[in-house]
Amino acid sequence: MRTVKLQAPAKVNYRLDVLRKRPDGYHDLRMVMQRIDLCDEIAITLHDQPGIQVTCGREGVPDGPGNIAWRAADALFKISGKQAGVSIAITKQIPVAAGLGGGSSDAATVLMGVNDLLQLGLSEERLMEIGVKLGADVPFFIFKKTALAEGIGEKLSPLDGLPAAWLVLVNPNVPVSTAWVYQNLQLTTRQNEYNIPRFCGSIAEICAMLSNDLEAVTIRRFPVIQEIKERLLSVGASGALMSGSGPTVFGVFADEVAARNAAAVLSRAGEWFVTAVKTL
């Protein structure tokens, strides 16, 4: 048996523009995606006995074939043709159904880990091709860079020069279905779809870029998201935005001390998941 232990980071969207609905039912997007140091921990053990086992123990996360990490491992075993199996133990730190990409990151990490364990030698580009069939955000986590993501999220270009930032994440502990959010999105004609800067050299420029077309949809159902944004700004955030389809909101801070102090204030009520994180 051989085991690898890996970390699967979460992400936030500094920007999420929904440009149009595609004939295949998906939406063309334009996003700025940033990894953060809130990570799930994943242990992958290779066995001689065929079969895939996934254990997580978190409510709302299935252990078997319903888990995207299981499907990631299955995809590589089908490609390899090897008679072996794996057990995958996921320790969740990233909130579930939270707009932070936890499931996609887990799947991407399993693809990279199983590729290593089976010594398949698949390139990042090939893993990304496999990953996008599992979920639109999976390629981003294999890409491992701050990115401008286009198409359904699979067309990735590196965004260099964004400064490191401290963020405070606040999740009100209500799960949000991404499918529901897109079903209730009212698309409008966009005038500014091409105004994402290729370079941001300061926290102020990051904050000027913050925008999420899905935010208004989720806020209508969960007004607490607007309350969280206002609370983050009141404790010193330079900007605040819902990530992905929500409901997690992040505030942008220039330094660790300010972020941790703000997180401590927001944690006092004990109603929400609150943590300070750094961008990767």
C-alpha atoms as a PDB file:
ATOM      1  CA  MET A   1       0.000   0.000   0.000  1.00  0.00           C
ATOM      2  CA  ARG A   2       1.113   3.548  -0.714  1.00  0.00           C
ATOM      3  CA  THR A   3      -0.547   6.667   0.631  1.00  0.00           C
ATOM      4  CA  VAL A   4      -0.348  10.321  -0.388  1.00  0.00           C
ATOM      5  CA  LYS A   5      -1.731  13.097   1.804  1.00  0.00           C
ATOM      6  CA  LEU A   6      -2.763  16.231  -0.037  1.00  0.00           C
ATOM      7  CA  GLN A   7      -4.480  19.534   0.610  1.00  0.00           C
ATOM      8  CA  ALA A   8      -7.375  20.721  -1.522  1.00  0.00           C
ATOM      9  CA  PRO A   9      -7.729  24.521  -1.322  1.00  0.00           C
ATOM     10  CA  ALA A  10     -10.941  26.521  -1.582  1.00  0.00           C
ATOM     11  CA  LYS A  11     -11.423  29.458  -3.949  1.00  0.00           C
ATOM     12  CA  VAL A  12     -13.206  32.765  -4.118  1.00  0.00           C
ATOM     13  CA  ASN A  13     -14.403  34.675  -7.159  1.00  0.00           C
ATOM     14  CA  TYR A  14     -13.186  38.256  -7.285  1.00  0.00           C
ATOM     15  CA  ARG A  15     -15.384  38.609 -10.324  1.00  0.00           C
ATOM     16  CA  LEU A  16     -18.191  36.547 -11.845  1.00  0.00           C
ATOM     17  CA  ASP A  17     -19.876  37.802 -15.008  1.00  0.00           C
ATOM     18  CA  VAL A  18     -22.608  35.694 -16.625  1.00  0.00           C
ATOM     19  CA  LEU A  19     -22.409  36.635 -20.301  1.00  0.00           C
ATOM     20  CA  ARG A  20     -25.028  34.476 -22.017  1.00  0.00           C
ATOM     21  CA  LYS A  21     -26.870  31.164 -21.927  1.00  0.00           C
ATOM     22  CA  ARG A  22     -25.448  28.549 -24.267  1.00  0.00           C
ATOM     23  CA  PRO A  23     -27.411  26.134 -26.487  1.00  0.00           C
ATOM     24  CA  ASP A  24     -26.234  23.255 -24.258  1.00  0.00           C
ATOM     25  CA  GLY A  25     -27.962  24.811 -21.239  1.00  0.00           C
ATOM     26  CA  TYR A  26     -24.779  25.994 -19.550  1.00  0.00           C
ATOM     27  CA  HIS A  27     -23.778  29.659 -19.288  1.00  0.00           C
ATOM     28  CA  ASP A  28     -20.759  31.421 -20.721  1.00  0.00           C
ATOM     29  CA  LEU A  29     -18.928  33.016 -17.816  1.00  0.00           C
ATOM     30  CA  ARG A  30     -16.063  35.405 -17.264  1.00  0.00           C
ATOM     31  CA  MET A  31     -14.500  35.063 -13.833  1.00  0.00           C
ATOM     32  CA  VAL A  32     -11.457  35.983 -11.811  1.00  0.00           C
ATOM     33  CA  MET A  33     -10.707  32.994  -9.576  1.00  0.00           C
ATOM     34  CA  GLN A  34      -8.372  33.032  -6.584  1.00  0.00           C
ATOM     35  CA  ARG A  35      -7.293  30.079  -4.408  1.00  0.00           C
ATOM     36  CA  ILE A  36      -7.163  30.521  -0.633  1.00  0.00           C
ATOM     37  CA  ASP A  37      -5.478  28.607   2.170  1.00  0.00           C
ATOM     38  CA  LEU A  38      -8.664  27.078   3.606  1.00  0.00           C
ATOM     39  CA  CYS A  39      -8.150  23.434   2.625  1.00  0.00           C
ATOM     40  CA  ASP A  40      -9.774  20.037   2.818  1.00  0.00           C
ATOM     41  CA  GLU A  41      -7.317  17.272   3.695  1.00  0.00           C
ATOM     42  CA  ILE A  42      -7.320  14.219   1.458  1.00  0.00           C
ATOM     43  CA  ALA A  43      -5.519  10.911   2.061  1.00  0.00           C
ATOM     44  CA  ILE A  44      -5.406   8.551  -0.941  1.00  0.00           C
ATOM     45  CA  THR A  45      -4.205   4.986  -0.406  1.00  0.00           C
ATOM     46  CA  LEU A  46      -3.490   2.631  -3.299  1.00  0.00           C
ATOM     47  CA  HIS A  47      -4.511  -1.020  -2.812  1.00  0.00           C
ATOM     48  CA  ASP A  48      -3.980  -4.241  -4.775  1.00  0.00           C
ATOM     49  CA  GLN A  49      -7.672  -5.065  -4.350  1.00  0.00           C
ATOM     50  CA  PRO A  50      -9.812  -3.365  -7.048  1.00  0.00           C
ATOM     51  CA  GLY A  51     -12.479  -0.915  -5.953  1.00  0.00           C
ATOM     52  CA  ILE A  52     -12.884   2.694  -4.864  1.00  0.00           C
ATOM     53  CA  GLN A  53     -13.857   3.714  -1.359  1.00  0.00           C
ATOM     54  CA  VAL A  54     -14.550   7.294  -0.310  1.00  0.00           C
ATOM     55  CA  THR A  55     -15.190   8.268   3.291  1.00  0.00           C
ATOM     56  CA  CYS A  56     -15.951  11.755   4.503  1.00  0.00           C
ATOM     57  CA  GLY A  57     -18.377  11.659   7.392  1.00  0.00           C
ATOM     58  CA  ARG A  58     -19.795  15.111   6.681  1.00  0.00           C
ATOM     59  CA  GLU A  59     -23.539  15.644   6.403  1.00  0.00           C
ATOM     60  CA  GLY A  60     -24.462  16.487   2.830  1.00  0.00           C
ATOM     61  CA  VAL A  61     -21.398  14.771   1.357  1.00  0.00           C
ATOM     62  CA  PRO A  62     -22.014  11.233   0.025  1.00  0.00           C
ATOM     63  CA  ASP A  63     -19.400   8.547   0.608  1.00  0.00           C
ATOM     64  CA  GLY A  64     -19.865   6.452  -2.529  1.00  0.00           C
ATOM     65  CA  PRO A  65     -20.278   7.032  -6.286  1.00  0.00           C
ATOM     66  CA  GLY A  66     -22.330  10.144  -5.559  1.00  0.00           C
ATOM     67  CA  ASN A  67     -19.145  11.887  -4.422  1.00  0.00           C
ATOM     68  CA  ILE A  68     -17.314  13.811  -7.138  1.00  0.00           C
ATOM     69  CA  ALA A  69     -14.005  12.568  -5.692  1.00  0.00           C
ATOM     70  CA  TRP A  70     -15.157   8.972  -6.297  1.00  0.00           C
ATOM     71  CA  ARG A  71     -15.989   9.839  -9.903  1.00  0.00           C
ATOM     72  CA  ALA A  72     -12.568  11.448 -10.347  1.00  0.00           C
ATOM     73  CA  ALA A  73     -10.792   8.281  -9.200  1.00  0.00           C
ATOM     74  CA  ASP A  74     -13.084   6.116 -11.332  1.00  0.00           C
ATOM     75  CA  ALA A  75     -12.294   8.175 -14.440  1.00  0.00           C
ATOM     76  CA  LEU A  76      -8.556   7.578 -14.042  1.00  0.00           C
ATOM     77  CA  PHE A  77      -8.899   3.869 -13.319  1.00  0.00           C
ATOM     78  CA  LYS A  78     -10.954   3.461 -16.490  1.00  0.00           C
ATOM     79  CA  ILE A  79      -8.226   5.212 -18.463  1.00  0.00           C
ATOM     80  CA  SER A  80      -5.404   3.238 -16.830  1.00  0.00           C
ATOM     81  CA  GLY A  81      -6.911  -0.221 -17.138  1.00  0.00           C
ATOM     82  CA  LYS A  82      -4.956  -1.167 -14.015  1.00  0.00           C
ATOM     83  CA  GLN A  83      -6.271  -3.785 -11.603  1.00  0.00           C
ATOM     84  CA  ALA A  84      -5.931  -1.865  -8.388  1.00  0.00           C
ATOM     85  CA  GLY A  85      -8.085   0.176  -6.046  1.00  0.00           C
ATOM     86  CA  VAL A  86      -7.954   3.190  -3.770  1.00  0.00           C
ATOM     87  CA  SER A  87      -9.419   4.365  -0.510  1.00  0.00           C
ATOM     88  CA  ILE A  88      -9.942   8.116  -0.224  1.00  0.00           C
ATOM     89  CA  ALA A  89     -10.428   9.759   3.168  1.00  0.00           C
ATOM     90  CA  ILE A  90     -11.625  13.364   3.024  1.00  0.00           C
ATOM     91  CA  THR A  91     -11.426  15.606   6.071  1.00  0.00           C
ATOM     92  CA  LYS A  92     -13.661  18.559   5.256  1.00  0.00           C
ATOM     93  CA  GLN A  93     -12.638  22.035   6.377  1.00  0.00           C
ATOM     94  CA  ILE A  94     -14.365  23.871   3.509  1.00  0.00           C
ATOM     95  CA  PRO A  95     -18.111  24.433   4.076  1.00  0.00           C
ATOM     96  CA  VAL A  96     -20.370  22.378   1.786  1.00  0.00           C
ATOM     97  CA  ALA A  97     -22.502  23.997  -0.962  1.00  0.00           C
ATOM     98  CA  ALA A  98     -20.922  27.302  -0.055  1.00  0.00           C
ATOM     99  CA  GLY A  99     -19.631  28.850  -3.297  1.00  0.00           C
ATOM    100  CA  LEU A 100     -16.034  28.005  -2.367  1.00  0.00           C
ATOM    101  CA  GLY A 101     -15.424  25.128  -4.785  1.00  0.00           C
ATOM    102  CA  GLY A 102     -14.751  22.497  -2.134  1.00  0.00           C
ATOM    103  CA  GLY A 103     -16.108  19.537  -4.082  1.00  0.00           C
ATOM    104  CA  SER A 104     -14.359  20.587  -7.282  1.00  0.00           C
ATOM    105  CA  SER A 105     -11.089  21.039  -5.429  1.00  0.00           C
ATOM    106  CA  ASP A 106     -11.430  17.595  -3.860  1.00  0.00           C
ATOM    107  CA  ALA A 107     -11.980  16.076  -7.313  1.00  0.00           C
ATOM    108  CA  ALA A 108      -9.015  17.925  -8.811  1.00  0.00           C
ATOM    109  CA  THR A 109      -6.791  16.830  -5.937  1.00  0.00           C
ATOM    110  CA  VAL A 110      -7.869  13.201  -6.354  1.00  0.00           C
ATOM    111  CA  LEU A 111      -7.127  13.370 -10.089  1.00  0.00           C
ATOM    112  CA  MET A 112      -3.610  14.641  -9.372  1.00  0.00           C
ATOM    113  CA  GLY A 113      -3.047  12.185  -6.522  1.00  0.00           C
ATOM    114  CA  VAL A 114      -4.261   9.090  -8.363  1.00  0.00           C
ATOM    115  CA  ASN A 115      -2.271  10.126 -11.432  1.00  0.00           C
ATOM    116  CA  ASP A 116       0.808  10.102  -9.202  1.00  0.00           C
ATOM    117  CA  LEU A 117      -0.014   6.854  -7.377  1.00  0.00           C
ATOM    118  CA  LEU A 118      -0.738   4.941 -10.570  1.00  0.00           C
ATOM    119  CA  GLN A 119       2.263   6.554 -12.298  1.00  0.00           C
ATOM    120  CA  LEU A 120       0.109   7.408 -15.301  1.00  0.00           C
ATOM    121  CA  GLY A 121       2.167  10.431 -16.303  1.00  0.00           C
ATOM    122  CA  LEU A 122      -0.875  12.380 -17.518  1.00  0.00           C
ATOM    123  CA  SER A 123      -0.162  16.053 -18.166  1.00  0.00           C
ATOM    124  CA  GLU A 124      -1.969  18.873 -16.382  1.00  0.00           C
ATOM    125  CA  GLU A 125      -3.713  19.652 -19.669  1.00  0.00           C
ATOM    126  CA  ARG A 126      -5.017  16.070 -19.941  1.00  0.00           C
ATOM    127  CA  LEU A 127      -6.137  16.066 -16.295  1.00  0.00           C
ATOM    128  CA  MET A 128      -7.975  19.336 -16.925  1.00  0.00           C
ATOM    129  CA  GLU A 129      -9.756  17.769 -19.916  1.00  0.00           C
ATOM    130  CA  ILE A 130     -10.885  14.916 -17.692  1.00  0.00           C
ATOM    131  CA  GLY A 131     -11.756  17.286 -14.848  1.00  0.00           C
ATOM    132  CA  VAL A 132     -14.104  19.553 -16.783  1.00  0.00           C
ATOM    133  CA  LYS A 133     -16.360  16.547 -17.421  1.00  0.00           C
ATOM    134  CA  LEU A 134     -16.701  16.207 -13.641  1.00  0.00           C
ATOM    135  CA  GLY A 135     -17.329  19.886 -12.871  1.00  0.00           C
ATOM    136  CA  ALA A 136     -16.677  23.266 -14.459  1.00  0.00           C
ATOM    137  CA  ASP A 137     -14.403  24.454 -11.615  1.00  0.00           C
ATOM    138  CA  VAL A 138     -12.238  21.315 -11.509  1.00  0.00           C
ATOM    139  CA  PRO A 139      -9.693  22.473 -14.152  1.00  0.00           C
ATOM    140  CA  PHE A 140      -8.984  25.662 -12.186  1.00  0.00           C
ATOM    141  CA  PHE A 141      -7.700  23.689  -9.208  1.00  0.00           C
ATOM    142  CA  ILE A 142      -5.412  21.650 -11.476  1.00  0.00           C
ATOM    143  CA  PHE A 143      -4.197  24.899 -13.095  1.00  0.00           C
ATOM    144  CA  LYS A 144      -2.991  26.078  -9.658  1.00  0.00           C
ATOM    145  CA  LYS A 145      -2.750  29.772 -10.561  1.00  0.00           C
ATOM    146  CA  THR A 146      -4.906  32.847 -10.067  1.00  0.00           C
ATOM    147  CA  ALA A 147      -6.865  32.847 -13.307  1.00  0.00           C
ATOM    148  CA  LEU A 148      -9.194  34.562 -15.699  1.00  0.00           C
ATOM    149  CA  ALA A 149     -11.702  31.791 -16.440  1.00  0.00           C
ATOM    150  CA  GLU A 150     -13.942  31.873 -19.490  1.00  0.00           C
ATOM    151  CA  GLY A 151     -16.347  29.544 -21.282  1.00  0.00           C
ATOM    152  CA  ILE A 152     -18.066  27.495 -18.563  1.00  0.00           C
ATOM    153  CA  GLY A 153     -14.900  28.025 -16.531  1.00  0.00           C
ATOM    154  CA  GLU A 154     -12.560  25.696 -18.396  1.00  0.00           C
ATOM    155  CA  LYS A 155     -10.717  28.305 -20.511  1.00  0.00           C
ATOM    156  CA  LEU A 156      -8.034  29.532 -18.134  1.00  0.00           C
ATOM    157  CA  SER A 157      -5.475  32.307 -18.471  1.00  0.00           C
ATOM    158  CA  PRO A 158      -3.040  33.178 -15.668  1.00  0.00           C
ATOM    159  CA  LEU A 159      -3.513  36.541 -13.976  1.00  0.00           C
ATOM    160  CA  ASP A 160      -0.118  37.642 -12.755  1.00  0.00           C
ATOM    161  CA  GLY A 161       0.643  40.427 -10.353  1.00  0.00           C
ATOM    162  CA  LEU A 162      -2.382  40.333  -8.080  1.00  0.00           C
ATOM    163  CA  PRO A 163      -1.178  41.167  -4.582  1.00  0.00           C
ATOM    164  CA  ALA A 164      -1.560  38.719  -1.725  1.00  0.00           C
ATOM    165  CA  ALA A 165      -4.582  39.557   0.376  1.00  0.00           C
ATOM    166  CA  TRP A 166      -6.151  38.511   3.642  1.00  0.00           C
ATOM    167  CA  LEU A 167      -9.819  37.626   3.454  1.00  0.00           C
ATOM    168  CA  VAL A 168     -12.449  36.987   6.092  1.00  0.00           C
ATOM    169  CA  LEU A 169     -14.945  34.319   5.037  1.00  0.00           C
ATOM    170  CA  VAL A 170     -18.425  34.325   6.545  1.00  0.00           C
ATOM    171  CA  ASN A 171     -20.891  31.536   5.814  1.00  0.00           C
ATOM    172  CA  PRO A 172     -24.398  31.684   7.345  1.00  0.00           C
ATOM    173  CA  ASN A 173     -24.673  27.873   7.370  1.00  0.00           C
ATOM    174  CA  VAL A 174     -27.381  27.610   4.731  1.00  0.00           C
ATOM    175  CA  PRO A 175     -26.607  25.416   1.699  1.00  0.00           C
ATOM    176  CA  VAL A 176     -27.213  26.968  -1.725  1.00  0.00           C
ATOM    177  CA  SER A 177     -27.829  24.964  -4.899  1.00  0.00           C
ATOM    178  CA  THR A 178     -25.800  26.320  -7.808  1.00  0.00           C
ATOM    179  CA  ALA A 179     -28.370  24.882 -10.228  1.00  0.00           C
ATOM    180  CA  TRP A 180     -31.173  26.765  -8.443  1.00  0.00           C
ATOM    181  CA  VAL A 181     -29.275  30.053  -8.649  1.00  0.00           C
ATOM    182  CA  TYR A 182     -28.712  29.747 -12.400  1.00  0.00           C
ATOM    183  CA  GLN A 183     -32.336  28.701 -12.963  1.00  0.00           C
ATOM    184  CA  ASN A 184     -33.471  31.924 -11.278  1.00  0.00           C
ATOM    185  CA  LEU A 185     -30.945  34.229 -12.943  1.00  0.00           C
ATOM    186  CA  GLN A 186     -32.418  36.940 -15.158  1.00  0.00           C
ATOM    187  CA  LEU A 187     -29.792  37.754 -17.785  1.00  0.00           C
ATOM    188  CA  THR A 188     -29.482  41.374 -18.886  1.00  0.00           C
ATOM    189  CA  THR A 189     -27.574  42.916 -21.767  1.00  0.00           C
ATOM    190  CA  ARG A 190     -24.014  43.485 -20.619  1.00  0.00           C
ATOM    191  CA  GLN A 191     -22.195  46.695 -21.432  1.00  0.00           C
ATOM    192  CA  ASN A 192     -18.999  45.998 -19.498  1.00  0.00           C
ATOM    193  CA  GLU A 193     -18.147  42.338 -20.099  1.00  0.00           C
ATOM    194  CA  TYR A 194     -14.625  43.100 -21.250  1.00  0.00           C
ATOM    195  CA  ASN A 195     -13.464  45.444 -18.502  1.00  0.00           C
ATOM    196  CA  ILE A 196     -11.650  42.945 -16.275  1.00  0.00           C
ATOM    197  CA  PRO A 197      -8.118  44.270 -15.877  1.00  0.00           C
ATOM    198  CA  ARG A 198      -5.241  41.948 -16.672  1.00  0.00           C
ATOM    199  CA  PHE A 199      -3.187  43.419 -13.845  1.00  0.00           C
ATOM    200  CA  CYS A 200      -4.107  44.563 -10.367  1.00  0.00           C
ATOM    201  CA  GLY A 201      -1.275  45.890  -8.280  1.00  0.00           C
ATOM    202  CA  SER A 202      -3.103  46.885  -5.118  1.00  0.00           C
ATOM    203  CA  ILE A 203      -5.840  45.843  -2.729  1.00  0.00           C
ATOM    204  CA  ALA A 204      -7.842  48.878  -3.866  1.00  0.00           C
ATOM    205  CA  GLU A 205      -7.717  47.668  -7.476  1.00  0.00           C
ATOM    206  CA  ILE A 206      -8.897  44.209  -6.402  1.00  0.00           C
ATOM    207  CA  CYS A 207     -11.808  45.789  -4.552  1.00  0.00           C
ATOM    208  CA  ALA A 208     -12.689  47.904  -7.580  1.00  0.00           C
ATOM    209  CA  MET A 209     -13.020  44.683  -9.590  1.00  0.00           C
ATOM    210  CA  LEU A 210     -15.391  42.921  -7.154  1.00  0.00           C
ATOM    211  CA  SER A 211     -18.641  41.964  -8.882  1.00  0.00           C
ATOM    212  CA  ASN A 212     -20.873  38.889  -8.989  1.00  0.00           C
ATOM    213  CA  ASP A 213     -23.910  38.562 -11.254  1.00  0.00           C
ATOM    214  CA  LEU A 214     -25.274  35.714  -9.110  1.00  0.00           C
ATOM    215  CA  GLU A 215     -25.275  37.709  -5.893  1.00  0.00           C
ATOM    216  CA  ALA A 216     -28.637  39.428  -6.370  1.00  0.00           C
ATOM    217  CA  VAL A 217     -30.340  36.081  -7.053  1.00  0.00           C
ATOM    218  CA  THR A 218     -29.047  34.460  -3.867  1.00  0.00           C
ATOM    219  CA  ILE A 219     -29.659  37.557  -1.722  1.00  0.00           C
ATOM    220  CA  ARG A 220     -33.346  37.557  -2.702  1.00  0.00           C
ATOM    221  CA  ARG A 221     -33.711  34.140  -1.093  1.00  0.00           C
ATOM    222  CA  PHE A 222     -31.185  34.645   1.699  1.00  0.00           C
ATOM    223  CA  PRO A 223     -31.183  38.332   2.767  1.00  0.00           C
ATOM    224  CA  VAL A 224     -28.632  37.468   5.467  1.00  0.00           C
ATOM    225  CA  ILE A 225     -25.981  37.669   2.722  1.00  0.00           C
ATOM    226  CA  GLN A 226     -26.546  41.431   2.440  1.00  0.00           C
ATOM    227  CA  GLU A 227     -26.360  41.690   6.218  1.00  0.00           C
ATOM    228  CA  ILE A 228     -23.021  39.864   6.214  1.00  0.00           C
ATOM    229  CA  LYS A 229     -21.625  42.174   3.527  1.00  0.00           C
ATOM    230  CA  GLU A 230     -22.573  45.197   5.605  1.00  0.00           C
ATOM    231  CA  ARG A 231     -21.097  43.666   8.763  1.00  0.00           C
ATOM    232  CA  LEU A 232     -17.797  42.948   6.995  1.00  0.00           C
ATOM    233  CA  LEU A 233     -17.548  46.529   5.764  1.00  0.00           C
ATOM    234  CA  SER A 234     -18.385  47.801   9.248  1.00  0.00           C
ATOM    235  CA  VAL A 235     -15.419  45.908  10.763  1.00  0.00           C
ATOM    236  CA  GLY A 236     -12.931  47.283   8.274  1.00  0.00           C
ATOM    237  CA  ALA A 237     -13.130  45.306   5.033  1.00  0.00           C
ATOM    238  CA  SER A 238     -12.046  47.310   1.991  1.00  0.00           C
ATOM    239  CA  GLY A 239     -14.626  45.442  -0.077  1.00  0.00           C
ATOM    240  CA  ALA A 240     -17.031  42.536   0.334  1.00  0.00           C
ATOM    241  CA  LEU A 241     -18.647  40.116  -2.114  1.00  0.00           C
ATOM    242  CA  MET A 242     -20.495  36.811  -2.242  1.00  0.00           C
ATOM    243  CA  SER A 243     -18.326  34.037  -3.725  1.00  0.00           C
ATOM    244  CA  GLY A 244     -19.674  31.895  -6.558  1.00  0.00           C
ATOM    245  CA  SER A 245     -23.339  31.024  -6.129  1.00  0.00           C
ATOM    246  CA  GLY A 246     -23.025  31.636  -2.393  1.00  0.00           C
ATOM    247  CA  PRO A 247     -23.856  31.890   0.354  1.00  0.00           C
ATOM    248  CA  THR A 248     -20.283  32.512   1.576  1.00  0.00           C
ATOM    249  CA  VAL A 249     -19.288  36.184   1.633  1.00  0.00           C
ATOM    250  CA  PHE A 250     -15.692  37.360   1.825  1.00  0.00           C
ATOM    251  CA  GLY A 251     -14.257  40.669   2.953  1.00  0.00           C
ATOM    252  CA  VAL A 252     -10.914  41.906   1.643  1.00  0.00           C
ATOM    253  CA  PHE A 253      -8.312  43.141   4.123  1.00  0.00           C
ATOM    254  CA  ALA A 254      -4.830  44.530   3.579  1.00  0.00           C
ATOM    255  CA  ASP A 255      -3.129  42.640   6.408  1.00  0.00           C
ATOM    256  CA  GLU A 256      -3.409  39.652   8.709  1.00  0.00           C
ATOM    257  CA  VAL A 257      -3.972  41.592  11.924  1.00  0.00           C
ATOM    258  CA  ALA A 258      -6.966  43.479  10.541  1.00  0.00           C
ATOM    259  CA  ALA A 259      -8.453  40.283   9.099  1.00  0.00           C
ATOM    260  CA  ARG A 260      -8.052  38.254  12.295  1.00  0.00           C
ATOM    261  CA  ASN A 261      -9.449  41.062  14.431  1.00  0.00           C
ATOM    262  CA  ALA A 262     -12.476  41.353  12.166  1.00  0.00           C
ATOM    263  CA  ALA A 263     -12.988  37.585  12.202  1.00  0.00           C
ATOM    264  CA  ALA A 264     -12.888  37.588  15.994  1.00  0.00           C
ATOM    265  CA  VAL A 265     -15.574  40.284  16.158  1.00  0.00           C
ATOM    266  CA  LEU A 266     -17.857  38.488  13.698  1.00  0.00           C
ATOM    267  CA  SER A 267     -17.373  35.142  15.457  1.00  0.00           C
ATOM    268  CA  ARG A 268     -18.716  36.377  18.788  1.00  0.00           C
ATOM    269  CA  ALA A 269     -22.369  35.758  17.975  1.00  0.00           C
ATOM    270  CA  GLY A 270     -21.543  32.148  17.173  1.00  0.00           C
ATOM    271  CA  GLU A 271     -24.203  31.913  14.468  1.00  0.00           C
ATOM    272  CA  TRP A 272     -21.952  31.819  11.410  1.00  0.00           C
ATOM    273  CA  PHE A 273     -18.876  30.015  10.123  1.00  0.00           C
ATOM    274  CA  VAL A 274     -16.161  32.701  10.204  1.00  0.00           C
ATOM    275  CA  THR A 275     -12.457  32.381   9.414  1.00  0.00           C
ATOM    276  CA  ALA A 276      -9.561  34.523   8.225  1.00  0.00           C
ATOM    277  CA  VAL A 277      -7.622  33.149   5.253  1.00  0.00           C
ATOM    278  CA  LYS A 278      -4.779  34.183   2.980  1.00  0.00           C
ATOM    279  CA  THR A 279      -4.746  34.025  -0.799  1.00  0.00           C
ATOM    280  CA  LEU A 280      -2.451  31.488  -2.460  1.00  0.00           C
END
